[in-house]
C-alpha atoms as a PDB file:
ATOM      1  CA  UNK A   1     124.567   8.974 -86.013  1.00  0.00           C
ATOM      2  CA  UNK A   2     124.968  11.850 -88.493  1.00  0.00           C
ATOM      3  CA  UNK A   3     127.177  14.914 -88.093  1.00  0.00           C
ATOM      4  CA  UNK A   4     126.016  18.063 -89.700  1.00  0.00           C
ATOM      5  CA  UNK A   5     128.997  20.165 -90.672  1.00  0.00           C
ATOM      6  CA  UNK A   6     128.761  23.502 -92.414  1.00  0.00           C
ATOM      7  CA  UNK A   7     129.601  23.819 -96.096  1.00  0.00           C
ATOM      8  CA  UNK A   8     133.152  24.464 -96.826  1.00  0.00           C
ATOM      9  CA  UNK A   9     132.118  27.532 -98.833  1.00  0.00           C
ATOM     10  CA  UNK A  10     130.649  29.123 -95.646  1.00  0.00           C
ATOM     11  CA  UNK A  11     133.792  28.508 -93.742  1.00  0.00           C
ATOM     12  CA  UNK A  12     135.812  29.948 -96.621  1.00  0.00           C
ATOM     13  CA  UNK A  13     133.641  33.000 -96.906  1.00  0.00           C
ATOM     14  CA  UNK A  14     133.846  33.633 -93.086  1.00  0.00           C
ATOM     15  CA  UNK A  15     137.580  33.322 -93.203  1.00  0.00           C
ATOM     16  CA  UNK A  16     137.908  35.731 -96.103  1.00  0.00           C
ATOM     17  CA  UNK A  17     135.594  38.258 -94.153  1.00  0.00           C
ATOM     18  CA  UNK A  18     137.910  38.123 -91.190  1.00  0.00           C
ATOM     19  CA  UNK A  19     141.018  38.308 -93.265  1.00  0.00           C
ATOM     20  CA  UNK A  20     139.561  41.587 -95.031  1.00  0.00           C
ATOM     21  CA  UNK A  21     138.526  43.152 -91.705  1.00  0.00           C
ATOM     22  CA  UNK A  22     141.936  42.273 -90.177  1.00  0.00           C
ATOM     23  CA  UNK A  23     143.821  44.040 -93.010  1.00  0.00           C
ATOM     24  CA  UNK A  24     141.601  47.132 -92.772  1.00  0.00           C
ATOM     25  CA  UNK A  25     142.059  47.411 -89.055  1.00  0.00           C
ATOM     26  CA  UNK A  26     145.825  46.799 -89.349  1.00  0.00           C
ATOM     27  CA  UNK A  27     146.132  49.427 -92.070  1.00  0.00           C
ATOM     28  CA  UNK A  28     144.330  51.890 -89.998  1.00  0.00           C
ATOM     29  CA  UNK A  29     146.447  51.286 -86.888  1.00  0.00           C
ATOM     30  CA  UNK A  30     149.746  51.300 -88.766  1.00  0.00           C
ATOM     31  CA  UNK A  31     148.870  54.468 -90.588  1.00  0.00           C
ATOM     32  CA  UNK A  32     147.662  56.185 -87.467  1.00  0.00           C
ATOM     33  CA  UNK A  33     151.017  55.303 -85.691  1.00  0.00           C
ATOM     34  CA  UNK A  34     153.025  56.355 -88.672  1.00  0.00           C
ATOM     35  CA  UNK A  35     151.337  59.766 -88.897  1.00  0.00           C
ATOM     36  CA  UNK A  36     151.515  60.152 -85.182  1.00  0.00           C
ATOM     37  CA  UNK A  37     155.231  59.553 -85.135  1.00  0.00           C
ATOM     38  CA  UNK A  38     155.877  61.749 -88.141  1.00  0.00           C
ATOM     39  CA  UNK A  39     153.819  64.621 -86.528  1.00  0.00           C
ATOM     40  CA  UNK A  40     155.117  64.087 -83.093  1.00  0.00           C
ATOM     41  CA  UNK A  41     158.644  63.037 -82.058  1.00  0.00           C
ATOM     42  CA  UNK A  42     160.046  63.035 -85.633  1.00  0.00           C
ATOM     43  CA  UNK A  43     158.579  66.526 -86.180  1.00  0.00           C
ATOM     44  CA  UNK A  44     158.358  66.015 -89.989  1.00  0.00           C
ATOM     45  CA  UNK A  45     154.980  67.758 -90.199  1.00  0.00           C
ATOM     46  CA  UNK A  46     152.260  69.003 -87.911  1.00  0.00           C
ATOM     47  CA  UNK A  47     148.944  67.119 -87.660  1.00  0.00           C
ATOM     48  CA  UNK A  48     146.255  67.176 -85.026  1.00  0.00           C
ATOM     49  CA  UNK A  49     144.697  64.154 -83.552  1.00  0.00           C
ATOM     50  CA  UNK A  50     141.777  64.345 -85.942  1.00  0.00           C
ATOM     51  CA  UNK A  51     143.922  64.929 -88.968  1.00  0.00           C
ATOM     52  CA  UNK A  52     145.874  61.726 -88.034  1.00  0.00           C
ATOM     53  CA  UNK A  53     142.611  59.793 -87.620  1.00  0.00           C
ATOM     54  CA  UNK A  54     141.333  61.074 -90.995  1.00  0.00           C
ATOM     55  CA  UNK A  55     144.569  60.016 -92.744  1.00  0.00           C
ATOM     56  CA  UNK A  56     144.375  56.536 -91.127  1.00  0.00           C
ATOM     57  CA  UNK A  57     140.665  56.305 -92.110  1.00  0.00           C
ATOM     58  CA  UNK A  58     141.429  57.189 -95.718  1.00  0.00           C
ATOM     59  CA  UNK A  59     144.226  54.618 -95.785  1.00  0.00           C
ATOM     60  CA  UNK A  60     141.997  51.926 -94.380  1.00  0.00           C
ATOM     61  CA  UNK A  61     139.190  52.588 -96.798  1.00  0.00           C
ATOM     62  CA  UNK A  62     141.772  52.558 -99.642  1.00  0.00           C
ATOM     63  CA  UNK A  63     143.008  49.115 -98.447  1.00  0.00           C
ATOM     64  CA  UNK A  64     139.307  47.890 -98.467  1.00  0.00           C
ATOM     65  CA  UNK A  65     138.849  48.813-102.083  1.00  0.00           C
END
């Protein structure tokens, strides 16, 4: 009986892709929360919902690079 297991390189590549995606999503969420808190209850500056999402998207794109 033979067992066909995937190459270790395939597993490593998949893990790396998930790790990168997780970091990008985490950066987006943390940035959105930070901008939302600063623009809302902390009243440091004023930002609309879409300005908050744009800032979070730029930070996530920056973390991808």
